[in-house]
Amino acid sequence: MEGHSRHWQLLVFEHEVLDAMVREGIAAYAEKQVYITQMMAHHFSEQWLPTLDGHCITPHWPTHYTTHNESLSDTT
C-alpha cells in the first residue's frame, strides 16, 4: 500500500500541466488517492495485527501504522 501511495504522490510532480485548474484537480485527486491507500493500509494492519500476534509473529510495521493511524483519526 505504501508503494501505491508514493506512486500517487510522485505522479503529480511527473506531469507538467500548464492549466492551473487542471493541475489543482490532478493534485487534489492524487491527494485523495494517497489518503485512501493510507487508510486501507491502516485498516488492514488493525485487522491482521491480532492474528499475527496470536501466532507469535511480530511484523516490522505495527508501530508505524498504529501511531500514524491515531494521527490520521485526529484530523478527520
PDB file of N, CA and C in Angstrom:
ATOM      1  N   MET A   1       0.808  -1.205   0.000  1.00  0.00           N
ATOM      2  CA  MET A   1       0.000   0.000   0.000  1.00  0.00           C
ATOM      3  C   MET A   1       0.851   1.269   0.000  1.00  0.00           C
ATOM      4  N   GLU A   2       1.956   1.235   0.741  1.00  0.00           N
ATOM      5  CA  GLU A   2       2.803   2.427   0.780  1.00  0.00           C
ATOM      6  C   GLU A   2       3.361   2.755  -0.598  1.00  0.00           C
ATOM      7  N   GLY A   3       3.712   1.728  -1.343  1.00  0.00           N
ATOM      8  CA  GLY A   3       4.225   1.954  -2.692  1.00  0.00           C
ATOM      9  C   GLY A   3       3.181   2.607  -3.576  1.00  0.00           C
ATOM     10  N   HIS A   4       1.939   2.166  -3.451  1.00  0.00           N
ATOM     11  CA  HIS A   4       0.851   2.747  -4.233  1.00  0.00           C
ATOM     12  C   HIS A   4       0.619   4.199  -3.817  1.00  0.00           C
ATOM     13  N   SER A   5       0.717   4.448  -2.528  1.00  0.00           N
ATOM     14  CA  SER A   5       0.560   5.811  -2.022  1.00  0.00           C
ATOM     15  C   SER A   5       1.653   6.725  -2.563  1.00  0.00           C
ATOM     16  N   ARG A   6       2.901   6.247  -2.522  1.00  0.00           N
ATOM     17  CA  ARG A   6       4.018   7.049  -3.058  1.00  0.00           C
ATOM     18  C   ARG A   6       3.856   7.289  -4.557  1.00  0.00           C
ATOM     19  N   HIS A   7       3.322   6.292  -5.264  1.00  0.00           N
ATOM     20  CA  HIS A   7       3.098   6.442  -6.701  1.00  0.00           C
ATOM     21  C   HIS A   7       2.208   7.649  -6.978  1.00  0.00           C
ATOM     22  N   TRP A   8       1.120   7.787  -6.219  1.00  0.00           N
ATOM     23  CA  TRP A   8       0.214   8.917  -6.425  1.00  0.00           C
ATOM     24  C   TRP A   8       0.867  10.234  -6.061  1.00  0.00           C
ATOM     25  N   GLN A   9       1.680  10.224  -5.013  1.00  0.00           N
ATOM     26  CA  GLN A   9       2.364  11.457  -4.628  1.00  0.00           C
ATOM     27  C   GLN A   9       3.331  11.909  -5.712  1.00  0.00           C
ATOM     28  N   LEU A  10       4.063  10.972  -6.294  1.00  0.00           N
ATOM     29  CA  LEU A  10       5.036  11.316  -7.331  1.00  0.00           C
ATOM     30  C   LEU A  10       4.375  11.671  -8.653  1.00  0.00           C
ATOM     31  N   LEU A  11       3.214  11.091  -8.907  1.00  0.00           N
ATOM     32  CA  LEU A  11       2.527  11.309 -10.178  1.00  0.00           C
ATOM     33  C   LEU A  11       2.242  12.787 -10.416  1.00  0.00           C
ATOM     34  N   VAL A  12       1.929  13.508  -9.379  1.00  0.00           N
ATOM     35  CA  VAL A  12       1.609  14.938  -9.506  1.00  0.00           C
ATOM     36  C   VAL A  12       2.809  15.700 -10.056  1.00  0.00           C
ATOM     37  N   PHE A  13       4.002  15.337  -9.597  1.00  0.00           N
ATOM     38  CA  PHE A  13       5.199  16.069  -9.996  1.00  0.00           C
ATOM     39  C   PHE A  13       5.758  15.624 -11.342  1.00  0.00           C
ATOM     40  N   GLU A  14       5.333  14.466 -11.836  1.00  0.00           N
ATOM     41  CA  GLU A  14       5.861  13.952 -13.093  1.00  0.00           C
ATOM     42  C   GLU A  14       5.246  14.613 -14.312  1.00  0.00           C
ATOM     43  N   HIS A  15       4.052  15.142 -14.169  1.00  0.00           N
ATOM     44  CA  HIS A  15       3.355  15.704 -15.324  1.00  0.00           C
ATOM     45  C   HIS A  15       3.349  17.226 -15.260  1.00  0.00           C
ATOM     46  N   GLU A  16       3.808  17.808 -16.324  1.00  0.00           N
ATOM     47  CA  GLU A  16       3.817  19.263 -16.411  1.00  0.00           C
ATOM     48  C   GLU A  16       2.516  19.703 -17.071  1.00  0.00           C
ATOM     49  N   VAL A  17       1.663  20.335 -16.303  1.00  0.00           N
ATOM     50  CA  VAL A  17       0.367  20.802 -16.790  1.00  0.00           C
ATOM     51  C   VAL A  17       0.350  22.319 -16.665  1.00  0.00           C
ATOM     52  N   LEU A  18       0.069  22.973 -17.763  1.00  0.00           N
ATOM     53  CA  LEU A  18       0.101  24.429 -17.773  1.00  0.00           C
ATOM     54  C   LEU A  18      -1.162  25.041 -17.175  1.00  0.00           C
ATOM     55  N   ASP A  19      -2.306  24.418 -17.387  1.00  0.00           N
ATOM     56  CA  ASP A  19      -3.559  24.956 -16.880  1.00  0.00           C
ATOM     57  C   ASP A  19      -3.629  24.754 -15.369  1.00  0.00           C
ATOM     58  N   ALA A  20      -3.736  25.857 -14.633  1.00  0.00           N
ATOM     59  CA  ALA A  20      -3.713  25.805 -13.172  1.00  0.00           C
ATOM     60  C   ALA A  20      -4.876  25.004 -12.594  1.00  0.00           C
ATOM     61  N   MET A  21      -6.060  25.135 -13.185  1.00  0.00           N
ATOM     62  CA  MET A  21      -7.219  24.402 -12.677  1.00  0.00           C
ATOM     63  C   MET A  21      -7.044  22.891 -12.859  1.00  0.00           C
ATOM     64  N   VAL A  22      -6.506  22.488 -13.995  1.00  0.00           N
ATOM     65  CA  VAL A  22      -6.268  21.065 -14.241  1.00  0.00           C
ATOM     66  C   VAL A  22      -5.205  20.556 -13.278  1.00  0.00           C
ATOM     67  N   ARG A  23      -4.150  21.319 -13.095  1.00  0.00           N
ATOM     68  CA  ARG A  23      -3.071  20.935 -12.187  1.00  0.00           C
ATOM     69  C   ARG A  23      -3.601  20.767 -10.765  1.00  0.00           C
ATOM     70  N   GLU A  24      -4.439  21.707 -10.314  1.00  0.00           N
ATOM     71  CA  GLU A  24      -5.026  21.614  -8.974  1.00  0.00           C
ATOM     72  C   GLU A  24      -5.945  20.404  -8.854  1.00  0.00           C
ATOM     73  N   GLY A  25      -6.681  20.125  -9.921  1.00  0.00           N
ATOM     74  CA  GLY A  25      -7.569  18.961  -9.918  1.00  0.00           C
ATOM     75  C   GLY A  25      -6.791  17.657  -9.827  1.00  0.00           C
ATOM     76  N   ILE A  26      -5.700  17.571 -10.573  1.00  0.00           N
ATOM     77  CA  ILE A  26      -4.848  16.374 -10.531  1.00  0.00           C
ATOM     78  C   ILE A  26      -4.243  16.220  -9.146  1.00  0.00           C
ATOM     79  N   ALA A  27      -3.779  17.314  -8.579  1.00  0.00           N
ATOM     80  CA  ALA A  27      -3.178  17.268  -7.239  1.00  0.00           C
ATOM     81  C   ALA A  27      -4.207  16.843  -6.196  1.00  0.00           C
ATOM     82  N   ALA A  28      -5.426  17.360  -6.293  1.00  0.00           N
ATOM     83  CA  ALA A  28      -6.478  17.005  -5.339  1.00  0.00           C
ATOM     84  C   ALA A  28      -6.848  15.528  -5.470  1.00  0.00           C
ATOM     85  N   TYR A  29      -6.960  15.040  -6.698  1.00  0.00           N
ATOM     86  CA  TYR A  29      -7.285  13.632  -6.922  1.00  0.00           C
ATOM     87  C   TYR A  29      -6.178  12.740  -6.373  1.00  0.00           C
ATOM     88  N   ALA A  30      -4.938  13.100  -6.639  1.00  0.00           N
ATOM     89  CA  ALA A  30      -3.809  12.308  -6.144  1.00  0.00           C
ATOM     90  C   ALA A  30      -3.786  12.306  -4.619  1.00  0.00           C
ATOM     91  N   GLU A  31      -4.052  13.452  -4.006  1.00  0.00           N
ATOM     92  CA  GLU A  31      -4.081  13.538  -2.547  1.00  0.00           C
ATOM     93  C   GLU A  31      -5.174  12.632  -1.975  1.00  0.00           C
ATOM     94  N   LYS A  32      -6.308  12.604  -2.633  1.00  0.00           N
ATOM     95  CA  LYS A  32      -7.397  11.732  -2.190  1.00  0.00           C
ATOM     96  C   LYS A  32      -6.980  10.265  -2.301  1.00  0.00           C
ATOM     97  N   GLN A  33      -6.313   9.895  -3.390  1.00  0.00           N
ATOM     98  CA  GLN A  33      -5.856   8.524  -3.558  1.00  0.00           C
ATOM     99  C   GLN A  33      -4.826   8.143  -2.487  1.00  0.00           C
ATOM    100  N   VAL A  34      -3.938   9.068  -2.152  1.00  0.00           N
ATOM    101  CA  VAL A  34      -2.955   8.827  -1.084  1.00  0.00           C
ATOM    102  C   VAL A  34      -3.686   8.558   0.221  1.00  0.00           C
ATOM    103  N   TYR A  35      -4.661   9.375   0.544  1.00  0.00           N
ATOM    104  CA  TYR A  35      -5.418   9.213   1.782  1.00  0.00           C
ATOM    105  C   TYR A  35      -6.128   7.860   1.803  1.00  0.00           C
ATOM    106  N   ILE A  36      -6.772   7.497   0.701  1.00  0.00           N
ATOM    107  CA  ILE A  36      -7.497   6.228   0.635  1.00  0.00           C
ATOM    108  C   ILE A  36      -6.551   5.045   0.836  1.00  0.00           C
ATOM    109  N   THR A  37      -5.406   5.048   0.159  1.00  0.00           N
ATOM    110  CA  THR A  37      -4.481   3.923   0.299  1.00  0.00           C
ATOM    111  C   THR A  37      -3.890   3.862   1.702  1.00  0.00           C
ATOM    112  N   GLN A  38      -3.631   5.012   2.313  1.00  0.00           N
ATOM    113  CA  GLN A  38      -3.117   5.014   3.682  1.00  0.00           C
ATOM    114  C   GLN A  38      -4.161   4.478   4.649  1.00  0.00           C
ATOM    115  N   MET A  39      -5.402   4.884   4.478  1.00  0.00           N
ATOM    116  CA  MET A  39      -6.459   4.391   5.360  1.00  0.00           C
ATOM    117  C   MET A  39      -6.671   2.889   5.178  1.00  0.00           C
ATOM    118  N   MET A  40      -6.564   2.407   3.952  1.00  0.00           N
ATOM    119  CA  MET A  40      -6.683   0.961   3.721  1.00  0.00           C
ATOM    120  C   MET A  40      -5.553   0.215   4.423  1.00  0.00           C
ATOM    121  N   ALA A  41      -4.346   0.730   4.323  1.00  0.00           N
ATOM    122  CA  ALA A  41      -3.202   0.090   4.972  1.00  0.00           C
ATOM    123  C   ALA A  41      -3.403   0.045   6.482  1.00  0.00           C
ATOM    124  N   HIS A  42      -3.892   1.114   7.049  1.00  0.00           N
ATOM    125  CA  HIS A  42      -4.129   1.152   8.491  1.00  0.00           C
ATOM    126  C   HIS A  42      -5.236   0.179   8.893  1.00  0.00           C
ATOM    127  N   HIS A  43      -6.279   0.145   8.095  1.00  0.00           N
ATOM    128  CA  HIS A  43      -7.380  -0.776   8.375  1.00  0.00           C
ATOM    129  C   HIS A  43      -6.888  -2.226   8.318  1.00  0.00           C
ATOM    130  N   PHE A  44      -6.125  -2.561   7.279  1.00  0.00           N
ATOM    131  CA  PHE A  44      -5.617  -3.925   7.150  1.00  0.00           C
ATOM    132  C   PHE A  44      -4.681  -4.266   8.304  1.00  0.00           C
ATOM    133  N   SER A  45      -3.864  -3.308   8.730  1.00  0.00           N
ATOM    134  CA  SER A  45      -2.953  -3.588   9.842  1.00  0.00           C
ATOM    135  C   SER A  45      -3.746  -3.860  11.121  1.00  0.00           C
ATOM    136  N   GLU A  46      -4.818  -3.107  11.339  1.00  0.00           N
ATOM    137  CA  GLU A  46      -5.646  -3.342  12.518  1.00  0.00           C
ATOM    138  C   GLU A  46      -6.297  -4.717  12.468  1.00  0.00           C
ATOM    139  N   GLN A  47      -6.652  -5.159  11.270  1.00  0.00           N
ATOM    140  CA  GLN A  47      -7.274  -6.472  11.124  1.00  0.00           C
ATOM    141  C   GLN A  47      -6.271  -7.605  11.335  1.00  0.00           C
ATOM    142  N   TRP A  48      -5.050  -7.430  10.851  1.00  0.00           N
ATOM    143  CA  TRP A  48      -4.062  -8.503  10.870  1.00  0.00           C
ATOM    144  C   TRP A  48      -3.221  -8.568  12.130  1.00  0.00           C
ATOM    145  N   LEU A  49      -2.978  -7.459  12.800  1.00  0.00           N
ATOM    146  CA  LEU A  49      -2.098  -7.477  13.977  1.00  0.00           C
ATOM    147  C   LEU A  49      -2.525  -8.464  15.063  1.00  0.00           C
ATOM    148  N   PRO A  50      -3.801  -8.529  15.429  1.00  0.00           N
ATOM    149  CA  PRO A  50      -4.185  -9.504  16.450  1.00  0.00           C
ATOM    150  C   PRO A  50      -3.923 -10.955  16.013  1.00  0.00           C
ATOM    151  N   THR A  51      -4.188 -11.264  14.759  1.00  0.00           N
ATOM    152  CA  THR A  51      -3.947 -12.612  14.250  1.00  0.00           C
ATOM    153  C   THR A  51      -2.465 -12.935  14.250  1.00  0.00           C
ATOM    154  N   LEU A  52      -1.654 -12.006  13.766  1.00  0.00           N
ATOM    155  CA  LEU A  52      -0.213 -12.229  13.755  1.00  0.00           C
ATOM    156  C   LEU A  52       0.324 -12.379  15.165  1.00  0.00           C
ATOM    157  N   ASP A  53      -0.156 -11.535  16.061  1.00  0.00           N
ATOM    158  CA  ASP A  53       0.275 -11.603  17.454  1.00  0.00           C
ATOM    159  C   ASP A  53      -0.103 -12.955  18.070  1.00  0.00           C
ATOM    160  N   GLY A  54      -1.282 -13.461  17.728  1.00  0.00           N
ATOM    161  CA  GLY A  54      -1.730 -14.759  18.224  1.00  0.00           C
ATOM    162  C   GLY A  54      -0.857 -15.911  17.763  1.00  0.00           C
ATOM    163  N   HIS A  55      -0.135 -15.704  16.662  1.00  0.00           N
ATOM    164  CA  HIS A  55       0.780 -16.717  16.131  1.00  0.00           C
ATOM    165  C   HIS A  55       2.235 -16.377  16.426  1.00  0.00           C
ATOM    166  N   CYS A  56       2.449 -15.447  17.354  1.00  0.00           N
ATOM    167  CA  CYS A  56       3.798 -15.014  17.757  1.00  0.00           C
ATOM    168  C   CYS A  56       4.623 -14.493  16.579  1.00  0.00           C
ATOM    169  N   ILE A  57       3.959 -13.819  15.675  1.00  0.00           N
ATOM    170  CA  ILE A  57       4.629 -13.191  14.541  1.00  0.00           C
ATOM    171  C   ILE A  57       4.635 -11.688  14.797  1.00  0.00           C
ATOM    172  N   THR A  58       5.816 -11.108  14.778  1.00  0.00           N
ATOM    173  CA  THR A  58       5.940  -9.676  15.022  1.00  0.00           C
ATOM    174  C   THR A  58       6.444  -8.994  13.749  1.00  0.00           C
ATOM    175  N   PRO A  59       5.541  -8.389  12.988  1.00  0.00           N
ATOM    176  CA  PRO A  59       5.972  -7.678  11.782  1.00  0.00           C
ATOM    177  C   PRO A  59       6.703  -6.387  12.143  1.00  0.00           C
ATOM    178  N   HIS A  60       7.437  -5.846  11.188  1.00  0.00           N
ATOM    179  CA  HIS A  60       8.202  -4.620  11.430  1.00  0.00           C
ATOM    180  C   HIS A  60       7.345  -3.362  11.337  1.00  0.00           C
ATOM    181  N   TRP A  61       6.122  -3.453  10.881  1.00  0.00           N
ATOM    182  CA  TRP A  61       5.329  -2.264  10.608  1.00  0.00           C
ATOM    183  C   TRP A  61       4.276  -1.870  11.634  1.00  0.00           C
ATOM    184  N   PRO A  62       3.969  -2.598  12.691  1.00  0.00           N
ATOM    185  CA  PRO A  62       2.818  -2.203  13.506  1.00  0.00           C
ATOM    186  C   PRO A  62       2.915  -0.823  14.148  1.00  0.00           C
ATOM    187  N   THR A  63       4.053  -0.441  14.663  1.00  0.00           N
ATOM    188  CA  THR A  63       4.165   0.861  15.316  1.00  0.00           C
ATOM    189  C   THR A  63       3.907   1.991  14.318  1.00  0.00           C
ATOM    190  N   HIS A  64       4.461   1.853  13.131  1.00  0.00           N
ATOM    191  CA  HIS A  64       4.261   2.881  12.104  1.00  0.00           C
ATOM    192  C   HIS A  64       2.777   3.080  11.819  1.00  0.00           C
ATOM    193  N   TYR A  65       2.067   1.991  11.608  1.00  0.00           N
ATOM    194  CA  TYR A  65       0.663   2.120  11.242  1.00  0.00           C
ATOM    195  C   TYR A  65      -0.225   2.501  12.407  1.00  0.00           C
ATOM    196  N   THR A  66       0.011   1.951  13.570  1.00  0.00           N
ATOM    197  CA  THR A  66      -0.862   2.303  14.687  1.00  0.00           C
ATOM    198  C   THR A  66      -0.643   3.745  15.109  1.00  0.00           C
ATOM    199  N   THR A  67       0.602   4.207  15.158  1.00  0.00           N
ATOM    200  CA  THR A  67       0.888   5.601  15.509  1.00  0.00           C
ATOM    201  C   THR A  67       0.326   6.537  14.453  1.00  0.00           C
ATOM    202  N   HIS A  68       0.578   6.210  13.170  1.00  0.00           N
ATOM    203  CA  HIS A  68       0.108   7.049  12.069  1.00  0.00           C
ATOM    204  C   HIS A  68      -1.415   7.050  12.028  1.00  0.00           C
ATOM    205  N   ASN A  69      -2.026   5.917  12.297  1.00  0.00           N
ATOM    206  CA  ASN A  69      -3.483   5.814  12.266  1.00  0.00           C
ATOM    207  C   ASN A  69      -4.101   6.717  13.323  1.00  0.00           C
ATOM    208  N   GLU A  70      -3.489   6.791  14.505  1.00  0.00           N
ATOM    209  CA  GLU A  70      -4.001   7.671  15.541  1.00  0.00           C
ATOM    210  C   GLU A  70      -3.933   9.131  15.106  1.00  0.00           C
ATOM    211  N   SER A  71      -2.837   9.510  14.426  1.00  0.00           N
ATOM    212  CA  SER A  71      -2.717  10.896  13.968  1.00  0.00           C
ATOM    213  C   SER A  71      -3.697  11.196  12.856  1.00  0.00           C
ATOM    214  N   LEU A  72      -4.004  10.191  12.007  1.00  0.00           N
ATOM    215  CA  LEU A  72      -4.985  10.407  10.949  1.00  0.00           C
ATOM    216  C   LEU A  72      -6.379  10.567  11.540  1.00  0.00           C
ATOM    217  N   SER A  73      -6.718   9.784  12.560  1.00  0.00           N
ATOM    218  CA  SER A  73      -8.053   9.891  13.129  1.00  0.00           C
ATOM    219  C   SER A  73      -8.247  11.227  13.851  1.00  0.00           C
ATOM    220  N   ASP A  74      -7.162  11.834  14.310  1.00  0.00           N
ATOM    221  CA  ASP A  74      -7.259  13.139  14.955  1.00  0.00           C
ATOM    222  C   ASP A  74      -7.629  14.230  13.972  1.00  0.00           C
ATOM    223  N   THR A  75      -7.281  14.045  12.684  1.00  0.00           N
ATOM    224  CA  THR A  75      -7.530  15.092  11.683  1.00  0.00           C
ATOM    225  C   THR A  75      -8.864  14.919  10.997  1.00  0.00           C
ATOM    226  N   THR A  76      -9.538  13.771  11.192  1.00  0.00           N
ATOM    227  CA  THR A  76     -10.808  13.550  10.498  1.00  0.00           C
ATOM    228  C   THR A  76     -11.991  13.834  11.371  1.00  0.00           C
TER     229      THR A  76
END
